[in-house]
């Protein structure tokens, strides 16, 4: 029986370590004080952003982080801990959790990993306030459209001028 439990725990450590290494970001939060409705809302917002959130025992997280090669996270694995894994966008988890924490004062980011590097709270906060990839692409598209639009207006003005000159003759 004890061997079976130990095997299950090792499988869980392996699974969490795999998630940590595959994820673009791993954000560790203290959710103590959130009520069920708030946790449900946070999970929904994270799901909408393609972020997976799990509540995992600290002992499992410590072993998984060590196995994944993320030294320096041990001190964040205390108290009630939930972990958000983002596999596509490295900042979406930090942005979503940070935005949620503005309304739910009890939610606290404790630490995390972004793009394979253990980050300080200040760095995670910096990432959380950066524009998302979609926002950056929209800004770039707008910047690229502006010169094209100006050329089109200039060409239209030349055409209109030529048409006026042709009508006058």
Protein backbone atom coordinates (compact mmCIF):
# COMPACT_ATOMS: atom_id res chain seq x y z
CA UNK A 1 0.00 0.00 0.00
CA UNK A 2 2.75 2.43 0.98
CA UNK A 3 4.66 1.64 -2.23
CA UNK A 4 1.54 2.35 -4.30
CA UNK A 5 1.06 5.76 -2.64
CA UNK A 6 4.74 6.56 -3.12
CA UNK A 7 4.48 5.59 -6.80
CA UNK A 8 1.41 7.80 -7.26
CA UNK A 9 3.21 10.74 -5.66
CA UNK A 10 6.25 10.20 -7.90
CA UNK A 11 3.99 10.11 -10.98
CA UNK A 12 2.41 13.37 -9.83
CA UNK A 13 5.85 14.96 -9.34
CA UNK A 14 6.82 13.83 -12.85
CA UNK A 15 3.59 15.21 -14.31
CA UNK A 16 3.99 18.61 -12.60
CA UNK A 17 7.69 18.79 -13.56
CA UNK A 18 6.69 18.10 -17.18
CA UNK A 19 4.08 20.88 -17.05
CA UNK A 20 6.68 23.26 -15.61
CA UNK A 21 9.22 22.54 -18.34
CA UNK A 22 6.65 22.74 -21.18
CA UNK A 23 5.00 25.94 -19.93
CA UNK A 24 6.03 29.37 -21.20
CA UNK A 25 5.19 30.64 -17.72
CA UNK A 26 4.40 29.21 -14.31
CA UNK A 27 2.85 31.69 -11.88
CA UNK A 28 2.55 30.67 -8.21
CA UNK A 29 -0.19 32.34 -6.18
CA UNK A 30 -1.49 32.38 -2.63
CA UNK A 31 -5.26 32.13 -2.90
CA UNK A 32 -6.05 32.10 0.84
CA UNK A 33 -9.12 34.23 1.49
CA UNK A 34 -10.75 33.81 -1.92
CA UNK A 35 -14.29 32.49 -1.70
CA UNK A 36 -15.63 29.78 -4.00
CA UNK A 37 -17.21 32.30 -6.37
CA UNK A 38 -13.92 34.19 -6.73
CA UNK A 39 -11.91 31.01 -7.34
CA UNK A 40 -14.47 29.94 -9.95
CA UNK A 41 -14.27 33.36 -11.61
CA UNK A 42 -10.46 33.29 -11.62
CA UNK A 43 -10.42 29.78 -13.10
CA UNK A 44 -12.88 30.91 -15.77
CA UNK A 45 -10.77 33.95 -16.69
CA UNK A 46 -7.63 31.83 -16.84
CA UNK A 47 -9.39 29.18 -18.93
CA UNK A 48 -10.52 31.89 -21.36
CA UNK A 49 -6.85 32.90 -21.68
CA UNK A 50 -5.77 29.25 -22.27
CA UNK A 51 -4.08 29.06 -18.87
CA UNK A 52 -4.36 25.97 -16.68
CA UNK A 53 -4.66 26.50 -12.92
CA UNK A 54 -4.06 23.73 -10.39
CA UNK A 55 -3.97 23.57 -6.61
CA UNK A 56 -1.00 21.34 -5.80
CA UNK A 57 0.60 20.35 -2.50
CA UNK A 58 3.75 22.31 -1.73
CA UNK A 59 5.84 19.18 -1.21
CA UNK A 60 4.93 17.99 -4.72
CA UNK A 61 5.69 21.45 -6.15
CA UNK A 62 9.10 21.57 -4.44
CA UNK A 63 10.11 18.20 -5.86
CA UNK A 64 8.72 19.02 -9.31
CA UNK A 65 10.51 22.39 -9.45
CA UNK A 66 13.75 20.74 -8.42
CA UNK A 67 13.28 18.05 -11.07
CA UNK A 68 12.50 20.70 -13.70
CA UNK A 69 15.67 22.60 -12.73
CA UNK A 70 13.96 25.66 -11.27
CA UNK A 71 16.08 26.38 -8.21
CA UNK A 72 15.01 29.31 -6.06
CA UNK A 73 11.28 28.59 -5.96
CA UNK A 74 11.29 26.67 -2.66
CA UNK A 75 10.47 29.75 -0.60
CA UNK A 76 7.25 30.41 -2.56
CA UNK A 77 5.85 26.95 -1.89
CA UNK A 78 4.33 27.74 1.50
CA UNK A 79 0.73 28.13 2.58
CA UNK A 80 -2.20 27.60 0.24
CA UNK A 81 -0.67 27.45 -3.23
CA UNK A 82 -2.16 27.39 -6.70
CA UNK A 83 -0.13 27.32 -9.88
CA UNK A 84 -1.07 28.74 -13.29
CA UNK A 85 0.57 27.16 -16.35
CA UNK A 86 0.57 29.07 -19.64
CA UNK A 87 1.82 27.04 -22.59
CA UNK A 88 1.42 29.59 -25.40
CA UNK A 89 1.84 33.18 -24.21
CA UNK A 90 4.48 33.80 -21.52
CA UNK A 91 2.76 36.83 -20.00
CA UNK A 92 -0.95 36.03 -20.21
CA UNK A 93 -1.06 34.19 -16.87
CA UNK A 94 0.71 37.01 -15.03
CA UNK A 95 -1.54 39.61 -16.72
CA UNK A 96 -4.76 37.75 -15.96
CA UNK A 97 -3.86 37.02 -12.33
CA UNK A 98 -2.53 40.54 -11.74
CA UNK A 99 -5.71 42.08 -13.15
CA UNK A 100 -7.86 39.75 -11.04
CA UNK A 101 -5.79 40.59 -7.93
CA UNK A 102 -6.62 44.30 -8.35
CA UNK A 103 -10.23 43.48 -7.43
CA UNK A 104 -9.52 40.56 -5.07
CA UNK A 105 -7.02 42.02 -2.62
CA UNK A 106 -6.43 38.64 -0.97
CA UNK A 107 -4.96 37.03 -4.10
CA UNK A 108 -1.20 37.37 -4.11
CA UNK A 109 1.40 36.34 -6.66
CA UNK A 110 4.23 34.62 -4.78
CA UNK A 111 6.66 33.96 -7.61
CA UNK A 112 7.11 32.12 -10.83
CA UNK A 113 8.97 31.18 -13.95
CA UNK A 114 8.72 33.03 -17.26
CA UNK A 115 10.33 31.62 -20.38
CA UNK A 116 12.41 29.15 -18.40
CA UNK A 117 13.81 31.65 -15.88
CA UNK A 118 12.82 32.00 -12.22
CA UNK A 119 11.64 35.61 -11.89
CA UNK A 120 11.40 38.06 -9.00
CA UNK A 121 8.03 39.49 -8.01
CA UNK A 122 9.07 42.83 -9.49
CA UNK A 123 9.89 41.21 -12.84
CA UNK A 124 6.61 39.26 -12.87
CA UNK A 125 4.74 42.50 -12.15
CA UNK A 126 6.64 44.15 -15.01
CA UNK A 127 5.63 41.33 -17.35
CA UNK A 128 2.03 41.54 -16.12
CA UNK A 129 1.81 45.17 -17.20
CA UNK A 130 3.38 44.67 -20.62
CA UNK A 131 1.11 44.69 -23.66
CA UNK A 132 0.08 41.22 -24.75
CA UNK A 133 1.23 39.69 -28.02
CA UNK A 134 -2.16 40.45 -29.58
CA UNK A 135 -1.99 44.08 -28.41
CA UNK A 136 1.52 44.44 -29.86
CA UNK A 137 0.43 42.92 -33.18
CA UNK A 138 -2.57 45.26 -33.35
CA UNK A 139 -0.29 48.25 -32.68
CA UNK A 140 2.15 47.08 -35.35
CA UNK A 141 -0.65 46.58 -37.87
CA UNK A 142 -1.95 50.06 -37.14
CA UNK A 143 1.54 51.53 -37.57
CA UNK A 144 1.98 49.73 -40.88
CA UNK A 145 -1.43 50.84 -42.15
CA UNK A 146 -0.83 54.52 -41.47
CA UNK A 147 1.86 55.10 -44.17
CA UNK A 148 -0.15 53.07 -46.69
CA UNK A 149 -3.23 55.14 -45.90
CA UNK A 150 -1.26 58.38 -46.41
CA UNK A 151 0.05 57.17 -49.79
CA UNK A 152 -3.52 56.24 -50.82
CA UNK A 153 -4.79 59.71 -49.83
CA UNK A 154 -1.94 61.35 -51.77
CA UNK A 155 -2.67 59.25 -54.86
CA UNK A 156 -6.37 60.03 -54.59
CA UNK A 157 -5.56 63.75 -54.33
CA UNK A 158 -3.44 63.52 -57.52
CA UNK A 159 -6.25 61.67 -59.31
CA UNK A 160 -8.80 64.23 -58.14
CA UNK A 161 -6.51 67.09 -59.23
CA UNK A 162 -6.02 65.50 -62.66
CA UNK A 163 -9.78 65.00 -63.02
CA UNK A 164 -10.39 68.66 -62.15
CA UNK A 165 -7.76 69.77 -64.67
CA UNK A 166 -9.35 67.50 -67.31
CA UNK A 167 -12.83 68.89 -66.62
CA UNK A 168 -11.56 72.49 -66.86
CA UNK A 169 -10.09 71.92 -70.33
